[in-house]
Amino acid sequence: MSLEIEDKEKMIKTCRAILESCEKPFIWAEDPDQEYSPNMPFNLSFPHRQIDNELNNLFETFSNSRYLYDQMNATCTLDEEWVELGTYAMDRNIGLCFSKFTLKPEYVERVKTYFNNRLIELQKSSSKIGS
């Protein structure tokens, strides 16, 4: 399989994951001791970078903010918050703050529309590559 086909397949897989999960609650975990927290909406695991950037741009448009935390607060409903404490590697106490968010209904359809259109576009271009 060529790199271009693999790339398109990963883009398609990421679009599908967004479409399947955009109505479901997702968990946001923060370590208050860390400067950077690699959180993303819908708990996507290893999304295609371009599709992830498109999702971020969409949230930036919805919220008028570049900052992911502000985007979540503007576009999502906070369902629940909790803290878990524990020990990591036997020498470090750790406390993680968890938040459970759900995308507000007024944004669900906009996300679905965007990524359904993107999926159709990718599938068309993918079939042209394969033939």
N, C-alpha and C. Protein backbone atom coordinates (compact mmCIF):
# COMPACT_ATOMS: atom_id res chain seq x y z
N MET A 1 0.85 -1.18 0.00
CA MET A 1 0.00 0.00 0.00
C MET A 1 0.90 1.24 0.00
N SER A 2 0.58 2.18 -0.86
CA SER A 2 1.41 3.38 -0.94
C SER A 2 1.18 4.28 0.27
N LEU A 3 2.15 5.16 0.48
CA LEU A 3 2.05 6.10 1.60
C LEU A 3 0.83 7.01 1.47
N GLU A 4 0.54 7.43 0.24
CA GLU A 4 -0.60 8.32 0.01
C GLU A 4 -1.91 7.62 0.37
N ILE A 5 -2.04 6.35 0.00
CA ILE A 5 -3.26 5.60 0.33
C ILE A 5 -3.36 5.39 1.84
N GLU A 6 -2.25 5.06 2.49
CA GLU A 6 -2.25 4.89 3.95
C GLU A 6 -2.63 6.19 4.64
N ASP A 7 -2.12 7.29 4.13
CA ASP A 7 -2.42 8.60 4.69
C ASP A 7 -3.92 8.91 4.58
N LYS A 8 -4.48 8.66 3.41
CA LYS A 8 -5.92 8.89 3.20
C LYS A 8 -6.75 7.98 4.11
N GLU A 9 -6.31 6.73 4.26
CA GLU A 9 -7.04 5.79 5.12
C GLU A 9 -7.05 6.28 6.57
N LYS A 10 -5.92 6.81 7.03
CA LYS A 10 -5.86 7.31 8.40
C LYS A 10 -6.75 8.55 8.55
N MET A 11 -6.80 9.39 7.52
CA MET A 11 -7.68 10.56 7.54
C MET A 11 -9.14 10.12 7.62
N ILE A 12 -9.49 9.11 6.81
CA ILE A 12 -10.86 8.59 6.81
C ILE A 12 -11.20 7.99 8.17
N LYS A 13 -10.27 7.25 8.74
CA LYS A 13 -10.48 6.64 10.06
C LYS A 13 -10.69 7.72 11.13
N THR A 14 -9.93 8.80 11.06
CA THR A 14 -10.08 9.88 12.04
C THR A 14 -11.42 10.58 11.86
N CYS A 15 -11.83 10.83 10.62
CA CYS A 15 -13.14 11.45 10.38
C CYS A 15 -14.26 10.58 10.94
N ARG A 16 -14.18 9.29 10.70
CA ARG A 16 -15.20 8.36 11.22
C ARG A 16 -15.23 8.36 12.75
N ALA A 17 -14.05 8.40 13.36
CA ALA A 17 -13.99 8.43 14.83
C ALA A 17 -14.65 9.69 15.38
N ILE A 18 -14.44 10.81 14.71
CA ILE A 18 -15.07 12.07 15.14
C ILE A 18 -16.59 11.95 15.00
N LEU A 19 -17.04 11.44 13.85
CA LEU A 19 -18.48 11.31 13.62
C LEU A 19 -19.15 10.36 14.62
N GLU A 20 -18.45 9.29 14.98
CA GLU A 20 -19.00 8.31 15.92
C GLU A 20 -19.02 8.82 17.36
N SER A 21 -18.13 9.74 17.68
CA SER A 21 -17.99 10.14 19.09
C SER A 21 -18.44 11.56 19.41
N CYS A 22 -18.79 12.36 18.42
CA CYS A 22 -19.07 13.77 18.70
C CYS A 22 -20.32 14.00 19.56
N GLU A 23 -21.22 13.03 19.63
CA GLU A 23 -22.40 13.17 20.48
C GLU A 23 -22.20 12.56 21.86
N LYS A 24 -21.11 11.84 22.03
CA LYS A 24 -20.86 11.14 23.29
C LYS A 24 -20.01 12.00 24.23
N PRO A 25 -20.19 11.82 25.53
CA PRO A 25 -19.33 12.52 26.48
C PRO A 25 -17.88 12.07 26.33
N PHE A 26 -16.96 12.95 26.66
CA PHE A 26 -15.54 12.59 26.64
C PHE A 26 -14.87 13.10 27.90
N ILE A 27 -13.78 12.47 28.26
CA ILE A 27 -13.07 12.77 29.50
C ILE A 27 -11.82 13.60 29.19
N TRP A 28 -11.63 14.61 29.98
CA TRP A 28 -10.49 15.50 29.89
C TRP A 28 -9.69 15.31 31.17
N ALA A 29 -8.45 14.92 31.09
CA ALA A 29 -7.61 14.70 32.27
C ALA A 29 -6.51 15.74 32.30
N GLU A 30 -6.29 16.32 33.48
CA GLU A 30 -5.24 17.32 33.64
C GLU A 30 -4.38 16.97 34.84
N ASP A 31 -3.08 17.09 34.66
CA ASP A 31 -2.13 16.97 35.76
C ASP A 31 -1.72 18.39 36.09
N PRO A 32 -2.16 18.91 37.23
CA PRO A 32 -1.86 20.31 37.57
C PRO A 32 -0.36 20.62 37.63
N ASP A 33 0.48 19.60 37.78
CA ASP A 33 1.92 19.82 37.85
C ASP A 33 2.58 19.90 36.48
N GLN A 34 1.85 19.57 35.45
CA GLN A 34 2.41 19.57 34.10
C GLN A 34 2.03 20.86 33.36
N GLU A 35 2.97 21.37 32.57
CA GLU A 35 2.68 22.56 31.77
C GLU A 35 1.81 22.23 30.57
N TYR A 36 2.02 21.07 29.98
CA TYR A 36 1.32 20.70 28.76
C TYR A 36 0.49 19.46 29.00
N SER A 37 -0.75 19.54 28.61
CA SER A 37 -1.65 18.40 28.73
C SER A 37 -2.16 18.07 27.34
N PRO A 38 -1.86 16.89 26.81
CA PRO A 38 -2.24 16.57 25.43
C PRO A 38 -3.70 16.16 25.27
N ASN A 39 -4.61 16.95 25.80
CA ASN A 39 -6.03 16.64 25.71
C ASN A 39 -6.57 17.02 24.34
N MET A 40 -7.58 16.33 23.93
CA MET A 40 -8.28 16.68 22.71
C MET A 40 -9.73 16.24 22.83
N PRO A 41 -10.61 16.92 22.11
CA PRO A 41 -12.02 16.54 22.18
C PRO A 41 -12.24 15.12 21.68
N PHE A 42 -13.26 14.47 22.22
CA PHE A 42 -13.74 13.17 21.77
C PHE A 42 -12.75 12.03 22.04
N ASN A 43 -11.74 12.25 22.87
CA ASN A 43 -10.79 11.21 23.24
C ASN A 43 -10.23 10.47 22.02
N LEU A 44 -9.88 11.20 20.99
CA LEU A 44 -9.28 10.59 19.80
C LEU A 44 -7.91 10.06 20.15
N SER A 45 -7.59 8.87 19.69
CA SER A 45 -6.24 8.35 19.94
C SER A 45 -5.47 8.33 18.62
N PHE A 46 -4.37 9.01 18.61
CA PHE A 46 -3.49 9.11 17.45
C PHE A 46 -4.25 9.52 16.18
N PRO A 47 -4.94 10.67 16.23
CA PRO A 47 -5.66 11.11 15.04
C PRO A 47 -4.69 11.55 13.94
N HIS A 48 -5.18 11.59 12.72
CA HIS A 48 -4.37 12.13 11.63
C HIS A 48 -4.18 13.62 11.90
N ARG A 49 -2.95 14.08 11.80
CA ARG A 49 -2.63 15.45 12.18
C ARG A 49 -3.46 16.49 11.41
N GLN A 50 -3.64 16.30 10.13
CA GLN A 50 -4.39 17.28 9.33
C GLN A 50 -5.85 17.35 9.77
N ILE A 51 -6.47 16.19 9.99
CA ILE A 51 -7.87 16.16 10.43
C ILE A 51 -7.99 16.74 11.84
N ASP A 52 -7.02 16.43 12.71
CA ASP A 52 -6.99 17.01 14.05
C ASP A 52 -6.89 18.53 13.96
N ASN A 53 -6.06 19.04 13.06
CA ASN A 53 -5.95 20.50 12.87
C ASN A 53 -7.26 21.09 12.37
N GLU A 54 -7.94 20.38 11.49
CA GLU A 54 -9.24 20.86 10.99
C GLU A 54 -10.26 20.91 12.13
N LEU A 55 -10.24 19.91 13.00
CA LEU A 55 -11.13 19.91 14.16
C LEU A 55 -10.80 21.09 15.08
N ASN A 56 -9.52 21.31 15.31
CA ASN A 56 -9.11 22.45 16.14
C ASN A 56 -9.54 23.77 15.52
N ASN A 57 -9.40 23.90 14.20
CA ASN A 57 -9.83 25.12 13.52
C ASN A 57 -11.33 25.33 13.64
N LEU A 58 -12.08 24.24 13.57
CA LEU A 58 -13.53 24.31 13.71
C LEU A 58 -13.90 24.81 15.11
N PHE A 59 -13.25 24.25 16.14
CA PHE A 59 -13.51 24.70 17.50
C PHE A 59 -13.07 26.14 17.72
N GLU A 60 -11.99 26.53 17.07
CA GLU A 60 -11.53 27.92 17.16
C GLU A 60 -12.57 28.86 16.55
N THR A 61 -13.15 28.45 15.43
CA THR A 61 -14.20 29.24 14.79
C THR A 61 -15.44 29.34 15.69
N PHE A 62 -15.84 28.22 16.27
CA PHE A 62 -17.02 28.21 17.15
C PHE A 62 -16.83 29.12 18.36
N SER A 63 -15.63 29.11 18.93
CA SER A 63 -15.41 29.77 20.22
C SER A 63 -14.72 31.13 20.11
N ASN A 64 -14.18 31.45 18.95
CA ASN A 64 -13.39 32.67 18.78
C ASN A 64 -12.18 32.70 19.69
N SER A 65 -11.59 31.54 19.93
CA SER A 65 -10.41 31.44 20.79
C SER A 65 -9.44 30.41 20.23
N ARG A 66 -8.14 30.68 20.35
CA ARG A 66 -7.10 29.74 19.93
C ARG A 66 -6.83 28.69 20.99
N TYR A 67 -7.28 28.93 22.21
CA TYR A 67 -6.91 28.08 23.34
C TYR A 67 -7.94 26.97 23.55
N LEU A 68 -7.44 25.75 23.57
CA LEU A 68 -8.30 24.57 23.66
C LEU A 68 -9.19 24.60 24.90
N TYR A 69 -8.64 25.03 26.02
CA TYR A 69 -9.43 25.09 27.25
C TYR A 69 -10.63 26.04 27.07
N ASP A 70 -10.40 27.19 26.47
CA ASP A 70 -11.49 28.15 26.20
C ASP A 70 -12.49 27.56 25.21
N GLN A 71 -11.98 26.84 24.22
CA GLN A 71 -12.84 26.22 23.22
C GLN A 71 -13.79 25.21 23.88
N MET A 72 -13.24 24.40 24.79
CA MET A 72 -14.08 23.40 25.46
C MET A 72 -15.15 24.08 26.31
N ASN A 73 -14.77 25.13 27.01
CA ASN A 73 -15.74 25.82 27.85
C ASN A 73 -16.84 26.50 27.03
N ALA A 74 -16.50 26.97 25.84
CA ALA A 74 -17.49 27.65 25.00
C ALA A 74 -18.40 26.67 24.26
N THR A 75 -17.88 25.51 23.87
CA THR A 75 -18.64 24.62 22.99
C THR A 75 -19.20 23.37 23.67
N CYS A 76 -18.79 23.14 24.90
CA CYS A 76 -19.19 21.91 25.59
C CYS A 76 -19.87 22.20 26.92
N THR A 77 -20.64 21.24 27.37
CA THR A 77 -21.26 21.29 28.68
C THR A 77 -20.41 20.46 29.62
N LEU A 78 -20.08 21.03 30.77
CA LEU A 78 -19.34 20.29 31.80
C LEU A 78 -20.34 19.43 32.57
N ASP A 79 -20.21 18.11 32.42
CA ASP A 79 -21.14 17.19 33.05
C ASP A 79 -20.72 16.80 34.46
N GLU A 80 -19.40 16.71 34.67
CA GLU A 80 -18.91 16.19 35.95
C GLU A 80 -17.42 16.52 36.09
N GLU A 81 -16.97 16.67 37.34
CA GLU A 81 -15.54 16.86 37.64
C GLU A 81 -15.17 16.03 38.85
N TRP A 82 -13.93 15.50 38.86
CA TRP A 82 -13.44 14.77 40.01
C TRP A 82 -11.92 14.75 40.00
N VAL A 83 -11.36 14.40 41.14
CA VAL A 83 -9.90 14.34 41.30
C VAL A 83 -9.54 12.93 41.77
N GLU A 84 -8.46 12.41 41.23
CA GLU A 84 -7.95 11.12 41.68
C GLU A 84 -6.51 11.31 42.12
N LEU A 85 -6.20 10.78 43.29
CA LEU A 85 -4.85 10.88 43.85
C LEU A 85 -4.21 9.51 43.87
N GLY A 86 -2.89 9.48 43.69
CA GLY A 86 -2.18 8.21 43.72
C GLY A 86 -0.69 8.42 43.72
N THR A 87 0.02 7.34 43.59
CA THR A 87 1.49 7.38 43.55
C THR A 87 1.94 6.85 42.20
N TYR A 88 2.90 7.54 41.63
CA TYR A 88 3.43 7.15 40.33
C TYR A 88 4.89 6.75 40.51
N ALA A 89 5.24 5.58 40.06
CA ALA A 89 6.63 5.08 40.11
C ALA A 89 7.19 5.08 41.52
N MET A 90 6.35 4.89 42.50
CA MET A 90 6.73 4.72 43.90
C MET A 90 7.40 5.95 44.53
N ASP A 91 7.60 7.02 43.77
CA ASP A 91 8.31 8.16 44.36
C ASP A 91 7.63 9.50 44.11
N ARG A 92 6.50 9.49 43.48
CA ARG A 92 5.86 10.76 43.17
C ARG A 92 4.36 10.66 43.41
N ASN A 93 3.87 11.51 44.27
CA ASN A 93 2.43 11.58 44.45
C ASN A 93 1.86 12.36 43.27
N ILE A 94 0.75 11.88 42.80
CA ILE A 94 0.16 12.52 41.63
C ILE A 94 -1.33 12.74 41.88
N GLY A 95 -1.80 13.85 41.41
CA GLY A 95 -3.22 14.14 41.47
C GLY A 95 -3.68 14.53 40.09
N LEU A 96 -4.67 13.84 39.58
CA LEU A 96 -5.20 14.16 38.27
C LEU A 96 -6.61 14.71 38.42
N CYS A 97 -6.87 15.78 37.69
CA CYS A 97 -8.20 16.38 37.67
C CYS A 97 -8.90 15.91 36.41
N PHE A 98 -10.07 15.35 36.55
CA PHE A 98 -10.83 14.85 35.42
C PHE A 98 -12.09 15.69 35.24
N SER A 99 -12.43 15.93 33.99
CA SER A 99 -13.67 16.61 33.64
C SER A 99 -14.35 15.81 32.56
N LYS A 100 -15.66 15.67 32.68
CA LYS A 100 -16.44 14.98 31.67
C LYS A 100 -17.26 16.04 30.92
N PHE A 101 -17.01 16.13 29.61
CA PHE A 101 -17.67 17.12 28.78
C PHE A 101 -18.55 16.45 27.73
N THR A 102 -19.58 17.19 27.29
CA THR A 102 -20.39 16.78 26.15
C THR A 102 -20.52 17.99 25.24
N LEU A 103 -20.32 17.76 23.94
CA LEU A 103 -20.46 18.83 22.97
C LEU A 103 -21.90 19.33 22.98
N LYS A 104 -22.07 20.66 23.03
CA LYS A 104 -23.41 21.24 23.05
C LYS A 104 -24.13 20.90 21.74
N PRO A 105 -25.44 20.64 21.83
CA PRO A 105 -26.21 20.22 20.65
C PRO A 105 -26.07 21.15 19.45
N GLU A 106 -25.95 22.45 19.68
CA GLU A 106 -25.86 23.39 18.56
C GLU A 106 -24.56 23.23 17.77
N TYR A 107 -23.58 22.55 18.35
CA TYR A 107 -22.32 22.32 17.65
C TYR A 107 -22.21 20.91 17.07
N VAL A 108 -23.00 19.99 17.59
CA VAL A 108 -22.94 18.60 17.11
C VAL A 108 -23.24 18.54 15.61
N GLU A 109 -24.32 19.17 15.19
CA GLU A 109 -24.69 19.12 13.77
C GLU A 109 -23.65 19.79 12.88
N ARG A 110 -23.04 20.85 13.37
CA ARG A 110 -22.02 21.53 12.57
C ARG A 110 -20.77 20.66 12.42
N VAL A 111 -20.40 19.96 13.48
CA VAL A 111 -19.26 19.04 13.41
C VAL A 111 -19.59 17.89 12.47
N LYS A 112 -20.79 17.33 12.61
CA LYS A 112 -21.20 16.21 11.76
C LYS A 112 -21.22 16.62 10.28
N THR A 113 -21.79 17.77 9.99
CA THR A 113 -21.86 18.24 8.61
C THR A 113 -20.47 18.41 8.02
N TYR A 114 -19.60 19.06 8.77
CA TYR A 114 -18.23 19.29 8.28
C TYR A 114 -17.53 17.96 7.99
N PHE A 115 -17.55 17.05 8.96
CA PHE A 115 -16.78 15.81 8.80
C PHE A 115 -17.46 14.78 7.90
N ASN A 116 -18.78 14.85 7.74
CA ASN A 116 -19.44 14.02 6.72
C ASN A 116 -18.99 14.47 5.33
N ASN A 117 -18.97 15.78 5.11
CA ASN A 117 -18.51 16.31 3.82
C ASN A 117 -17.04 15.97 3.58
N ARG A 118 -16.25 16.07 4.63
CA ARG A 118 -14.82 15.77 4.52
C ARG A 118 -14.61 14.28 4.22
N LEU A 119 -15.41 13.43 4.84
CA LEU A 119 -15.33 11.99 4.62
C LEU A 119 -15.68 11.65 3.17
N ILE A 120 -16.73 12.22 2.65
CA ILE A 120 -17.13 11.99 1.25
C ILE A 120 -16.00 12.43 0.31
N GLU A 121 -15.45 13.59 0.58
CA GLU A 121 -14.35 14.11 -0.24
C GLU A 121 -13.14 13.16 -0.21
N LEU A 122 -12.80 12.68 0.98
CA LEU A 122 -11.66 11.76 1.11
C LEU A 122 -11.93 10.42 0.43
N GLN A 123 -13.14 9.92 0.56
CA GLN A 123 -13.47 8.64 -0.07
C GLN A 123 -13.42 8.75 -1.60
N LYS A 124 -13.88 9.88 -2.13
CA LYS A 124 -13.80 10.09 -3.58
C LYS A 124 -12.35 10.15 -4.04
N SER A 125 -11.54 10.91 -3.34
CA SER A 125 -10.14 11.04 -3.75
C SER A 125 -9.38 9.74 -3.52
N SER A 126 -9.78 8.98 -2.51
CA SER A 126 -9.15 7.68 -2.22
C SER A 126 -9.46 6.67 -3.32
N SER A 127 -10.70 6.69 -3.83
CA SER A 127 -11.06 5.75 -4.89
C SER A 127 -10.34 6.10 -6.19
N LYS A 128 -10.06 7.37 -6.42
CA LYS A 128 -9.30 7.78 -7.61
C LYS A 128 -7.87 7.31 -7.52
N ILE A 129 -7.30 7.34 -6.31
CA ILE A 129 -5.92 6.89 -6.11
C ILE A 129 -5.82 5.38 -6.32
N GLY A 130 -6.82 4.65 -5.83
CA GLY A 130 -6.80 3.18 -5.92
C GLY A 130 -7.05 2.64 -7.31
N SER A 131 -7.64 3.45 -8.20
CA SER A 131 -7.95 2.93 -9.54
C SER A 131 -6.88 3.26 -10.56
